[in-house]
C-alpha atoms as a PDB file:
ATOM      1  CA  MET A   1      28.216  30.090  11.426  1.00  0.00           C
ATOM      2  CA  THR A   2      30.386  30.016   8.521  1.00  0.00           C
ATOM      3  CA  GLU A   3      30.828  26.839   6.855  1.00  0.00           C
ATOM      4  CA  ALA A   4      33.328  25.521   4.257  1.00  0.00           C
ATOM      5  CA  TYR A   5      33.380  22.003   2.061  1.00  0.00           C
ATOM      6  CA  VAL A   6      36.425  20.373   1.201  1.00  0.00           C
ATOM      7  CA  ILE A   7      35.884  17.973  -1.538  1.00  0.00           C
ATOM      8  CA  LEU A   8      38.310  14.670  -1.062  1.00  0.00           C
ATOM      9  CA  SER A   9      36.910  12.525  -3.578  1.00  0.00           C
ATOM     10  CA  GLY A  10      33.834  11.637  -5.717  1.00  0.00           C
ATOM     11  CA  THR A  11      31.366  14.495  -7.099  1.00  0.00           C
ATOM     12  CA  GLY A  12      28.465  15.975  -6.013  1.00  0.00           C
ATOM     13  CA  ARG A  13      26.057  18.837  -6.435  1.00  0.00           C
ATOM     14  CA  VAL A  14      25.774  22.092  -4.243  1.00  0.00           C
ATOM     15  CA  ARG A  15      22.222  23.828  -3.994  1.00  0.00           C
ATOM     16  CA  THR A  16      22.149  27.347  -2.406  1.00  0.00           C
ATOM     17  CA  PRO A  17      19.549  29.851  -2.429  1.00  0.00           C
ATOM     18  CA  ASP A  18      21.035  31.553  -5.654  1.00  0.00           C
ATOM     19  CA  ALA A  19      22.711  28.773  -7.606  1.00  0.00           C
ATOM     20  CA  GLU A  20      23.129  24.941  -8.326  1.00  0.00           C
ATOM     21  CA  PHE A  21      26.802  24.003  -9.355  1.00  0.00           C
ATOM     22  CA  ASP A  22      28.727  20.405  -9.654  1.00  0.00           C
ATOM     23  CA  VAL A  23      31.844  19.979  -7.132  1.00  0.00           C
ATOM     24  CA  GLY A  24      34.671  17.711  -7.462  1.00  0.00           C
ATOM     25  CA  PRO A  25      38.084  16.859  -5.940  1.00  0.00           C
ATOM     26  CA  GLY A  26      40.487  19.642  -4.846  1.00  0.00           C
ATOM     27  CA  GLU A  27      37.447  22.082  -4.606  1.00  0.00           C
ATOM     28  CA  VAL A  28      36.345  24.050  -1.466  1.00  0.00           C
ATOM     29  CA  VAL A  29      33.200  25.660  -1.095  1.00  0.00           C
ATOM     30  CA  VAL A  30      32.614  28.322   1.769  1.00  0.00           C
ATOM     31  CA  PHE A  31      28.956  29.136   2.481  1.00  0.00           C
ATOM     32  CA  PRO A  32      28.541  32.844   4.609  1.00  0.00           C
ATOM     33  CA  PRO A  33      26.064  32.597   8.090  1.00  0.00           C
ATOM     34  CA  GLY A  34      22.397  33.667   7.887  1.00  0.00           C
ATOM     35  CA  PRO A  35      19.827  32.401   5.099  1.00  0.00           C
ATOM     36  CA  ALA A  36      22.275  33.526   2.395  1.00  0.00           C
ATOM     37  CA  GLY A  37      24.434  30.665   3.408  1.00  0.00           C
ATOM     38  CA  ALA A  38      21.865  27.657   3.404  1.00  0.00           C
ATOM     39  CA  HIS A  39      23.149  25.225   1.287  1.00  0.00           C
ATOM     40  CA  ARG A  40      22.861  21.014   0.292  1.00  0.00           C
ATOM     41  CA  ILE A  41      25.001  18.762  -1.362  1.00  0.00           C
ATOM     42  CA  THR A  42      24.459  15.827  -2.774  1.00  0.00           C
ATOM     43  CA  ALA A  43      26.395  13.017  -4.258  1.00  0.00           C
ATOM     44  CA  THR A  44      26.142  12.709  -8.338  1.00  0.00           C
ATOM     45  CA  GLY A  45      28.823  10.400  -9.412  1.00  0.00           C
ATOM     46  CA  PRO A  46      29.445   6.442  -8.797  1.00  0.00           C
ATOM     47  CA  GLU A  47      31.769   6.408  -5.891  1.00  0.00           C
ATOM     48  CA  PRO A  48      31.013   7.933  -2.599  1.00  0.00           C
ATOM     49  CA  LEU A  49      31.138  11.740  -2.272  1.00  0.00           C
ATOM     50  CA  ARG A  50      33.802  12.428   0.544  1.00  0.00           C
ATOM     51  CA  TYR A  51      34.394  16.052   2.081  1.00  0.00           C
ATOM     52  CA  VAL A  52      35.923  17.625   5.090  1.00  0.00           C
ATOM     53  CA  ASP A  53      33.044  20.056   6.906  1.00  0.00           C
ATOM     54  CA  VAL A  54      35.061  23.139   8.567  1.00  0.00           C
ATOM     55  CA  ASP A  55      32.774  25.146  10.670  1.00  0.00           C
ATOM     56  CA  THR A  56      33.538  28.444  12.525  1.00  0.00           C
ATOM     57  CA  THR A  57      30.946  27.203  15.608  1.00  0.00           C
ATOM     58  CA  GLY A  58      29.114  30.191  17.013  1.00  0.00           C
ATOM     59  CA  ASP A  59      27.563  29.532  20.383  1.00  0.00           C
ATOM     60  CA  PRO A  60      24.634  29.936  20.417  1.00  0.00           C
ATOM     61  CA  ASP A  61      23.724  29.263  16.969  1.00  0.00           C
ATOM     62  CA  VAL A  62      20.179  29.009  14.698  1.00  0.00           C
ATOM     63  CA  ILE A  63      20.392  26.851  12.026  1.00  0.00           C
ATOM     64  CA  GLY A  64      17.376  27.207   9.301  1.00  0.00           C
ATOM     65  CA  TYR A  65      16.309  24.141   7.275  1.00  0.00           C
ATOM     66  CA  PRO A  66      14.197  25.795   4.316  1.00  0.00           C
ATOM     67  CA  ASP A  67      13.675  22.299   2.351  1.00  0.00           C
ATOM     68  CA  SER A  68      11.902  20.696   5.496  1.00  0.00           C
ATOM     69  CA  GLY A  69      10.375  23.589   7.229  1.00  0.00           C
ATOM     70  CA  LYS A  70      12.568  23.459  10.433  1.00  0.00           C
ATOM     71  CA  THR A  71      14.750  25.400  12.701  1.00  0.00           C
ATOM     72  CA  MET A  72      17.420  24.025  14.975  1.00  0.00           C
ATOM     73  CA  ALA A  73      18.804  26.059  17.987  1.00  0.00           C
ATOM     74  CA  TYR A  74      22.434  25.207  19.119  1.00  0.00           C
ATOM     75  CA  THR A  75      24.578  25.428  22.011  1.00  0.00           C
ATOM     76  CA  ARG A  76      26.763  23.910  24.336  1.00  0.00           C
ATOM     77  CA  ALA A  77      25.199  24.399  27.373  1.00  0.00           C
ATOM     78  CA  ARG A  78      21.847  22.533  26.302  1.00  0.00           C
ATOM     79  CA  PRO A  79      21.050  19.587  24.064  1.00  0.00           C
ATOM     80  CA  THR A  80      20.382  20.724  20.452  1.00  0.00           C
ATOM     81  CA  THR A  81      16.944  21.188  19.889  1.00  0.00           C
ATOM     82  CA  ILE A  82      14.937  21.095  16.374  1.00  0.00           C
ATOM     83  CA  PHE A  83      11.333  22.945  16.088  1.00  0.00           C
ATOM     84  CA  ARG A  84       9.148  22.813  13.032  1.00  0.00           C
ATOM     85  CA  ASP A  85       8.486  26.183  11.724  1.00  0.00           C
ATOM     86  CA  VAL A  86       4.666  25.685  11.298  1.00  0.00           C
ATOM     87  CA  ASP A  87       4.348  25.038  15.349  1.00  0.00           C
ATOM     88  CA  ALA A  88       5.946  29.178  15.679  1.00  0.00           C
ATOM     89  CA  VAL A  89       3.620  30.648  18.599  1.00  0.00           C
ATOM     90  CA  ASP A  90       3.647  34.559  19.421  1.00  0.00           C
ATOM     91  CA  TYR A  91       6.069  35.802  21.600  1.00  0.00           C
ATOM     92  CA  TYR A  92       3.557  36.296  24.387  1.00  0.00           C
ATOM     93  CA  ALA A  93       1.832  32.598  24.428  1.00  0.00           C
ATOM     94  CA  GLY A  94       2.154  30.977  27.459  1.00  0.00           C
ATOM     95  CA  GLU A  95       2.823  34.599  29.057  1.00  0.00           C
ATOM     96  CA  PRO A  96      -0.271  35.013  31.367  1.00  0.00           C
ATOM     97  CA  ASP A  97       1.113  38.356  32.860  1.00  0.00           C
ATOM     98  CA  ALA A  98       2.174  39.869  29.185  1.00  0.00           C
ATOM     99  CA  GLN A  99       0.361  43.107  28.289  1.00  0.00           C
END
């Protein structure tokens, strides 16, 4: 899923795997799909940071949260599910007939 922020007002700081940078009104920041597009935005000024979040929603979609060690699986057919990465199991776990 590609995602973009259109900054309307306020100031903020964006962090990606490769960089940290400041943003302000009128700026547009685009994040590609996959691990390279991981991002976080934080308000830095005295006024609220307001932005429009524009997504190209894929269905299904999987989103990783590296700071908190979680993965989210999203699909319109089921409720969103969030997993802790430390709870990962082997592919054949719970499959008694698997070889």
